[in-house]
């Protein structure tokens, strides 16, 4: 069980904070992106990522665990049957993005937009170049390893015969 945050919370009690974060996550899944304060966006991001991870797993147990937090059945359906399949299989996390928007006009609170990331994962040019180089070097490395093993096998075979010749000479 996660330990509650020490110090001031978003709403007051830990129960109220959990409800606020659950509502923010529910709205995020319902609308795809929401505009809120930076603090709330940073606090809802781990919760949303964990729920998306459960949705990607997709089994009944994961659905029931997510239903503890997301109480709206329509949003739960959207999360498991629309959002989770639309996320790229290569993505290993980072399902949400927070973008700072500036300060709110009334109370000057810093605002941010948190949104779901459904784009395909693109590897950077350096990583793809390194993978191509590794693939090209792999056959050469295998042939070098096989040549080394063949050489060591030949030396192992010749070594006992040399020892046996020395033994016969001593006798």
C-alpha atoms as a PDB file:
ATOM      1  CA  UNK A   1       0.000   0.000   0.000  1.00  0.00           C
ATOM      2  CA  UNK A   2       1.504   3.360  -0.954  1.00  0.00           C
ATOM      3  CA  UNK A   3       2.284   5.639   1.922  1.00  0.00           C
ATOM      4  CA  UNK A   4       0.270   8.887   1.906  1.00  0.00           C
ATOM      5  CA  UNK A   5       2.076  12.092   1.121  1.00  0.00           C
ATOM      6  CA  UNK A   6       3.478  13.886   4.125  1.00  0.00           C
ATOM      7  CA  UNK A   7       2.711  17.523   4.598  1.00  0.00           C
ATOM      8  CA  UNK A   8      -0.050  19.468   2.880  1.00  0.00           C
ATOM      9  CA  UNK A   9      -2.220  17.497   0.489  1.00  0.00           C
ATOM     10  CA  UNK A  10      -4.169  18.582  -2.546  1.00  0.00           C
ATOM     11  CA  UNK A  11      -7.500  18.747  -0.788  1.00  0.00           C
ATOM     12  CA  UNK A  12      -7.093  18.085   2.893  1.00  0.00           C
ATOM     13  CA  UNK A  13      -7.412  14.490   3.981  1.00  0.00           C
ATOM     14  CA  UNK A  14      -5.789  11.528   2.261  1.00  0.00           C
ATOM     15  CA  UNK A  15      -9.218  10.195   1.292  1.00  0.00           C
ATOM     16  CA  UNK A  16     -10.121  13.476  -0.410  1.00  0.00           C
ATOM     17  CA  UNK A  17      -6.778  13.502  -2.212  1.00  0.00           C
ATOM     18  CA  UNK A  18      -7.346   9.957  -3.532  1.00  0.00           C
ATOM     19  CA  UNK A  19     -10.809  10.942  -4.765  1.00  0.00           C
ATOM     20  CA  UNK A  20      -9.474  14.051  -6.500  1.00  0.00           C
ATOM     21  CA  UNK A  21      -6.720  12.095  -8.227  1.00  0.00           C
ATOM     22  CA  UNK A  22      -9.171   9.372  -9.254  1.00  0.00           C
ATOM     23  CA  UNK A  23     -11.471  12.008 -10.756  1.00  0.00           C
ATOM     24  CA  UNK A  24      -8.567  13.643 -12.590  1.00  0.00           C
ATOM     25  CA  UNK A  25      -7.475  10.266 -14.008  1.00  0.00           C
ATOM     26  CA  UNK A  26     -11.063   9.498 -15.006  1.00  0.00           C
ATOM     27  CA  UNK A  27     -11.358  12.835 -16.841  1.00  0.00           C
ATOM     28  CA  UNK A  28      -7.992  12.233 -18.511  1.00  0.00           C
ATOM     29  CA  UNK A  29      -9.177   8.902 -19.906  1.00  0.00           C
ATOM     30  CA  UNK A  30     -12.552  10.333 -20.880  1.00  0.00           C
ATOM     31  CA  UNK A  31     -11.247  13.381 -22.761  1.00  0.00           C
ATOM     32  CA  UNK A  32      -7.705  12.379 -23.734  1.00  0.00           C
ATOM     33  CA  UNK A  33      -6.189  15.496 -22.166  1.00  0.00           C
ATOM     34  CA  UNK A  34      -7.029  17.869 -19.336  1.00  0.00           C
ATOM     35  CA  UNK A  35      -5.805  21.266 -18.216  1.00  0.00           C
ATOM     36  CA  UNK A  36      -5.023  21.537 -14.519  1.00  0.00           C
ATOM     37  CA  UNK A  37      -2.393  22.934 -12.180  1.00  0.00           C
ATOM     38  CA  UNK A  38       1.161  21.667 -12.473  1.00  0.00           C
ATOM     39  CA  UNK A  39       1.010  20.113  -9.002  1.00  0.00           C
ATOM     40  CA  UNK A  40      -2.136  18.124  -9.749  1.00  0.00           C
ATOM     41  CA  UNK A  41      -0.774  17.044 -13.133  1.00  0.00           C
ATOM     42  CA  UNK A  42       2.430  15.751 -11.554  1.00  0.00           C
ATOM     43  CA  UNK A  43       0.447  13.927  -8.877  1.00  0.00           C
ATOM     44  CA  UNK A  44      -2.022  12.265 -11.280  1.00  0.00           C
ATOM     45  CA  UNK A  45       0.636  11.142 -13.781  1.00  0.00           C
ATOM     46  CA  UNK A  46       1.881   8.062 -11.838  1.00  0.00           C
ATOM     47  CA  UNK A  47      -1.682   6.964 -11.096  1.00  0.00           C
ATOM     48  CA  UNK A  48      -2.697   7.272 -14.748  1.00  0.00           C
ATOM     49  CA  UNK A  49       0.411   5.394 -15.913  1.00  0.00           C
ATOM     50  CA  UNK A  50      -0.279   2.520 -13.511  1.00  0.00           C
ATOM     51  CA  UNK A  51      -3.887   2.303 -14.669  1.00  0.00           C
ATOM     52  CA  UNK A  52      -2.807   2.248 -18.323  1.00  0.00           C
ATOM     53  CA  UNK A  53      -0.309  -0.510 -17.536  1.00  0.00           C
ATOM     54  CA  UNK A  54      -3.129  -2.533 -15.987  1.00  0.00           C
ATOM     55  CA  UNK A  55      -5.299  -1.838 -19.019  1.00  0.00           C
ATOM     56  CA  UNK A  56      -2.551  -3.044 -21.362  1.00  0.00           C
ATOM     57  CA  UNK A  57      -2.407  -6.300 -19.412  1.00  0.00           C
ATOM     58  CA  UNK A  58      -6.138  -6.587 -20.013  1.00  0.00           C
ATOM     59  CA  UNK A  59      -7.129  -9.531 -17.822  1.00  0.00           C
ATOM     60  CA  UNK A  60     -10.103  -9.633 -15.472  1.00  0.00           C
ATOM     61  CA  UNK A  61      -8.023  -9.078 -12.339  1.00  0.00           C
ATOM     62  CA  UNK A  62      -6.464  -5.940 -13.824  1.00  0.00           C
ATOM     63  CA  UNK A  63      -9.896  -4.663 -14.821  1.00  0.00           C
ATOM     64  CA  UNK A  64     -11.182  -5.143 -11.289  1.00  0.00           C
ATOM     65  CA  UNK A  65      -8.150  -3.408  -9.803  1.00  0.00           C
ATOM     66  CA  UNK A  66      -8.669  -0.452 -12.141  1.00  0.00           C
ATOM     67  CA  UNK A  67     -12.386  -0.407 -11.310  1.00  0.00           C
ATOM     68  CA  UNK A  68     -11.447   0.400  -7.708  1.00  0.00           C
ATOM     69  CA  UNK A  69     -10.121   3.749  -8.910  1.00  0.00           C
ATOM     70  CA  UNK A  70     -12.184   4.424 -12.042  1.00  0.00           C
ATOM     71  CA  UNK A  71     -15.791   4.169 -10.921  1.00  0.00           C
ATOM     72  CA  UNK A  72     -17.446   5.111 -14.232  1.00  0.00           C
ATOM     73  CA  UNK A  73     -18.028   1.964 -16.291  1.00  0.00           C
ATOM     74  CA  UNK A  74     -18.002   3.856 -19.592  1.00  0.00           C
ATOM     75  CA  UNK A  75     -14.581   5.337 -18.840  1.00  0.00           C
ATOM     76  CA  UNK A  76     -13.336   1.925 -17.718  1.00  0.00           C
ATOM     77  CA  UNK A  77     -14.497   0.471 -21.040  1.00  0.00           C
ATOM     78  CA  UNK A  78     -12.771   3.329 -22.889  1.00  0.00           C
ATOM     79  CA  UNK A  79      -9.545   2.730 -20.965  1.00  0.00           C
ATOM     80  CA  UNK A  80      -9.409  -1.028 -21.574  1.00  0.00           C
ATOM     81  CA  UNK A  81     -10.957  -1.324 -25.036  1.00  0.00           C
ATOM     82  CA  UNK A  82     -10.021   1.945 -26.768  1.00  0.00           C
ATOM     83  CA  UNK A  83      -6.989   3.560 -25.130  1.00  0.00           C
ATOM     84  CA  UNK A  84      -4.924   0.458 -24.238  1.00  0.00           C
ATOM     85  CA  UNK A  85      -5.015  -1.083 -27.761  1.00  0.00           C
ATOM     86  CA  UNK A  86      -4.187   2.283 -29.350  1.00  0.00           C
ATOM     87  CA  UNK A  87      -0.896   2.557 -27.439  1.00  0.00           C
ATOM     88  CA  UNK A  88       2.130   1.290 -29.355  1.00  0.00           C
ATOM     89  CA  UNK A  89       3.393  -2.156 -28.304  1.00  0.00           C
ATOM     90  CA  UNK A  90       6.992  -0.874 -28.242  1.00  0.00           C
ATOM     91  CA  UNK A  91       6.176   1.744 -25.592  1.00  0.00           C
ATOM     92  CA  UNK A  92       7.377   0.570 -22.177  1.00  0.00           C
ATOM     93  CA  UNK A  93       5.976   3.467 -20.160  1.00  0.00           C
ATOM     94  CA  UNK A  94       5.610   7.200 -20.580  1.00  0.00           C
ATOM     95  CA  UNK A  95       1.956   6.993 -21.558  1.00  0.00           C
ATOM     96  CA  UNK A  96       1.260  10.586 -20.504  1.00  0.00           C
ATOM     97  CA  UNK A  97       2.838  13.936 -21.326  1.00  0.00           C
ATOM     98  CA  UNK A  98       2.779  17.118 -19.233  1.00  0.00           C
ATOM     99  CA  UNK A  99       3.158  20.448 -21.036  1.00  0.00           C
ATOM    100  CA  UNK A 100       3.441  23.698 -19.052  1.00  0.00           C
ATOM    101  CA  UNK A 101       1.003  26.368 -20.198  1.00  0.00           C
ATOM    102  CA  UNK A 102       1.829  29.412 -18.086  1.00  0.00           C
ATOM    103  CA  UNK A 103       0.020  30.948 -15.150  1.00  0.00           C
ATOM    104  CA  UNK A 104      -3.716  31.123 -14.570  1.00  0.00           C
ATOM    105  CA  UNK A 105      -5.182  34.577 -14.907  1.00  0.00           C
ATOM    106  CA  UNK A 106      -7.141  34.730 -11.659  1.00  0.00           C
ATOM    107  CA  UNK A 107      -4.727  33.495  -9.013  1.00  0.00           C
ATOM    108  CA  UNK A 108      -1.478  33.196 -10.995  1.00  0.00           C
ATOM    109  CA  UNK A 109      -1.309  29.420 -10.392  1.00  0.00           C
ATOM    110  CA  UNK A 110       1.041  27.581 -12.789  1.00  0.00           C
ATOM    111  CA  UNK A 111      -1.048  25.562 -15.258  1.00  0.00           C
ATOM    112  CA  UNK A 112      -0.208  22.478 -17.298  1.00  0.00           C
ATOM    113  CA  UNK A 113      -1.872  20.227 -19.830  1.00  0.00           C
ATOM    114  CA  UNK A 114      -1.595  16.479 -19.268  1.00  0.00           C
ATOM    115  CA  UNK A 115      -2.427  14.297 -22.244  1.00  0.00           C
ATOM    116  CA  UNK A 116      -2.200  10.685 -23.356  1.00  0.00           C
ATOM    117  CA  UNK A 117       0.641   9.703 -25.676  1.00  0.00           C
ATOM    118  CA  UNK A 118      -0.526   7.310 -28.392  1.00  0.00           C
ATOM    119  CA  UNK A 119       2.066   8.043 -31.067  1.00  0.00           C
ATOM    120  CA  UNK A 120       4.313   5.292 -32.329  1.00  0.00           C
ATOM    121  CA  UNK A 121       7.697   5.011 -30.650  1.00  0.00           C
ATOM    122  CA  UNK A 122      10.434   6.144 -33.008  1.00  0.00           C
ATOM    123  CA  UNK A 123      13.980   5.209 -32.189  1.00  0.00           C
ATOM    124  CA  UNK A 124      16.536   7.944 -32.433  1.00  0.00           C
ATOM    125  CA  UNK A 125      18.943   7.882 -35.371  1.00  0.00           C
ATOM    126  CA  UNK A 126      21.915   7.041 -33.147  1.00  0.00           C
ATOM    127  CA  UNK A 127      20.162   4.017 -31.627  1.00  0.00           C
ATOM    128  CA  UNK A 128      18.998   2.651 -34.979  1.00  0.00           C
ATOM    129  CA  UNK A 129      22.498   3.141 -36.450  1.00  0.00           C
ATOM    130  CA  UNK A 130      24.046   1.313 -33.485  1.00  0.00           C
ATOM    131  CA  UNK A 131      21.610  -1.587 -33.892  1.00  0.00           C
ATOM    132  CA  UNK A 132      22.436  -1.885 -37.602  1.00  0.00           C
ATOM    133  CA  UNK A 133      26.152  -1.878 -36.794  1.00  0.00           C
ATOM    134  CA  UNK A 134      25.648  -4.532 -34.126  1.00  0.00           C
ATOM    135  CA  UNK A 135      23.682  -6.725 -36.546  1.00  0.00           C
ATOM    136  CA  UNK A 136      26.405  -6.365 -39.176  1.00  0.00           C
ATOM    137  CA  UNK A 137      29.117  -7.160 -36.647  1.00  0.00           C
ATOM    138  CA  UNK A 138      27.267 -10.173 -35.216  1.00  0.00           C
ATOM    139  CA  UNK A 139      28.033 -12.582 -38.110  1.00  0.00           C
ATOM    140  CA  UNK A 140      31.677 -11.494 -38.144  1.00  0.00           C
ATOM    141  CA  UNK A 141      31.922 -11.998 -34.396  1.00  0.00           C
ATOM    142  CA  UNK A 142      30.371 -15.455 -34.660  1.00  0.00           C
ATOM    143  CA  UNK A 143      32.834 -16.497 -37.364  1.00  0.00           C
ATOM    144  CA  UNK A 144      35.735 -15.134 -35.275  1.00  0.00           C
ATOM    145  CA  UNK A 145      34.513 -17.061 -32.231  1.00  0.00           C
ATOM    146  CA  UNK A 146      34.202 -20.264 -34.244  1.00  0.00           C
ATOM    147  CA  UNK A 147      37.743 -19.781 -35.625  1.00  0.00           C
ATOM    148  CA  UNK A 148      39.086 -19.247 -32.091  1.00  0.00           C
ATOM    149  CA  UNK A 149      37.311 -22.335 -30.780  1.00  0.00           C
ATOM    150  CA  UNK A 150      38.625 -24.405 -33.703  1.00  0.00           C
ATOM    151  CA  UNK A 151      42.174 -23.167 -33.039  1.00  0.00           C
ATOM    152  CA  UNK A 152      41.922 -23.961 -29.342  1.00  0.00           C
ATOM    153  CA  UNK A 153      40.546 -27.416 -30.140  1.00  0.00           C
ATOM    154  CA  UNK A 154      43.471 -28.083 -32.493  1.00  0.00           C
ATOM    155  CA  UNK A 155      46.001 -26.964 -29.882  1.00  0.00           C
ATOM    156  CA  UNK A 156      44.265 -29.117 -27.257  1.00  0.00           C
ATOM    157  CA  UNK A 157      44.492 -32.136 -29.567  1.00  0.00           C
ATOM    158  CA  UNK A 158      48.168 -31.540 -30.385  1.00  0.00           C
ATOM    159  CA  UNK A 159      49.167 -30.920 -26.757  1.00  0.00           C
ATOM    160  CA  UNK A 160      48.386 -34.430 -25.444  1.00  0.00           C
ATOM    161  CA  UNK A 161      50.258 -36.049 -28.334  1.00  0.00           C
ATOM    162  CA  UNK A 162      53.338 -33.945 -27.552  1.00  0.00           C
ATOM    163  CA  UNK A 163      53.119 -34.932 -23.888  1.00  0.00           C
ATOM    164  CA  UNK A 164      52.778 -38.601 -24.801  1.00  0.00           C
ATOM    165  CA  UNK A 165      55.857 -38.360 -27.040  1.00  0.00           C
ATOM    166  CA  UNK A 166      57.849 -36.886 -24.166  1.00  0.00           C
ATOM    167  CA  UNK A 167      56.639 -39.641 -21.829  1.00  0.00           C
ATOM    168  CA  UNK A 168      57.773 -42.360 -24.250  1.00  0.00           C
ATOM    169  CA  UNK A 169      61.193 -40.750 -24.598  1.00  0.00           C
ATOM    170  CA  UNK A 170      61.704 -40.741 -20.806  1.00  0.00           C
ATOM    171  CA  UNK A 171      60.868 -44.419 -20.509  1.00  0.00           C
END
